[in-house]
Protein backbone atom coordinates (compact mmCIF):
# COMPACT_ATOMS: atom_id res chain seq x y z
CA MET A 1 -41.66 80.91 32.50
CA GLY A 2 -41.60 84.37 31.17
CA SER A 3 -40.41 85.28 27.48
CA CYS A 4 -37.06 86.52 27.09
CA ASN A 5 -35.82 88.72 24.04
CA VAL A 6 -32.43 88.07 24.61
CA ASN A 7 -30.35 85.40 22.39
CA HIS A 8 -27.96 83.20 24.92
CA SER A 9 -24.54 82.28 23.64
CA ILE A 10 -23.16 78.78 23.62
CA ASP A 11 -20.89 80.03 26.55
CA ASP A 12 -23.46 81.90 28.48
CA VAL A 13 -25.30 78.75 28.47
CA LEU A 14 -22.15 76.83 29.34
CA VAL A 15 -21.54 79.07 32.33
CA LYS A 16 -25.02 78.87 33.22
CA LEU A 17 -24.43 74.94 33.18
CA ALA A 18 -21.43 74.67 35.17
CA TYR A 19 -23.40 77.09 38.23
CA GLN A 20 -26.04 74.50 38.31
CA LYS A 21 -24.17 71.53 37.68
CA GLU A 22 -24.26 70.29 41.39
CA TYR A 23 -27.82 70.43 41.61
CA LEU A 24 -28.72 68.90 38.18
CA PRO A 25 -28.65 64.64 38.16
CA GLU A 26 -25.11 63.88 37.12
CA SER A 27 -26.12 61.92 34.07
CA LEU A 28 -28.53 65.02 32.84
CA ALA A 29 -25.49 67.74 33.56
CA LYS A 30 -23.51 65.53 31.05
CA GLU A 31 -26.21 65.21 28.27
CA LEU A 32 -26.59 68.62 28.52
CA TYR A 33 -23.07 69.81 28.29
CA LEU A 34 -23.31 67.55 24.95
CA LEU A 35 -26.13 69.07 23.57
CA ILE A 36 -25.02 72.40 24.24
CA GLN A 37 -21.69 71.73 22.66
CA SER A 38 -23.24 70.54 19.49
CA SER A 39 -24.11 73.82 18.53
CA GLN A 40 -28.11 73.80 19.03
CA SER A 41 -30.24 76.46 17.42
CA GLN A 42 -30.84 79.46 19.06
CA LEU A 43 -34.09 78.60 20.48
CA ILE A 44 -32.72 75.53 22.16
CA LEU A 45 -29.97 77.69 23.79
CA ASN A 46 -32.54 80.04 25.37
CA ASP A 47 -34.77 76.95 26.38
CA VAL A 48 -31.83 75.47 27.84
CA PHE A 49 -30.62 78.56 29.91
CA HIS A 50 -33.79 79.54 30.87
CA LEU A 51 -34.47 75.75 32.76
CA LEU A 52 -31.22 76.17 33.99
CA LYS A 53 -31.82 79.52 35.45
CA LYS A 54 -32.24 79.50 39.30
CA TYR A 55 -32.36 76.00 39.14
CA ASP A 56 -30.92 75.63 42.57
CA LEU A 57 -33.08 78.31 44.08
CA VAL A 58 -36.60 76.55 43.26
CA THR A 59 -38.74 73.92 44.86
CA PRO A 60 -37.54 70.24 44.45
CA GLU A 61 -41.15 69.91 42.54
CA GLU A 62 -39.80 72.71 39.84
CA GLN A 63 -36.68 70.91 39.65
CA LYS A 64 -38.23 67.71 38.59
CA ASN A 65 -40.60 69.49 36.14
CA ARG A 66 -37.38 71.13 34.49
CA ASN A 67 -35.70 68.02 34.45
CA LYS A 68 -38.25 66.05 32.75
CA HIS A 69 -38.77 69.22 30.15
CA LEU A 70 -34.80 69.03 29.58
CA SER A 71 -34.86 65.52 29.24
CA ASP A 72 -37.11 65.86 26.54
CA LEU A 73 -35.32 68.84 24.71
CA ILE A 74 -32.34 65.81 24.42
CA LYS A 75 -34.71 63.30 23.73
CA LYS A 76 -35.97 65.28 20.36
CA LEU A 77 -32.74 66.03 19.03
């Protein structure tokens, strides 16, 4: 993923999650909601936003890779 200089707010990330929720595994979507609500660092918010961006349009293999990355973020925190 490319570099982005925009800092995404909690609301931005929640909107992105709501939009992509139906394409995510249910348990992952719930865990992400809790992660976002816990007001993580800006870096975490930006990472989550970009992993969710266009999630519905990527290949199943890319979705699997993003799911792993998102799960790893959750486990770290």
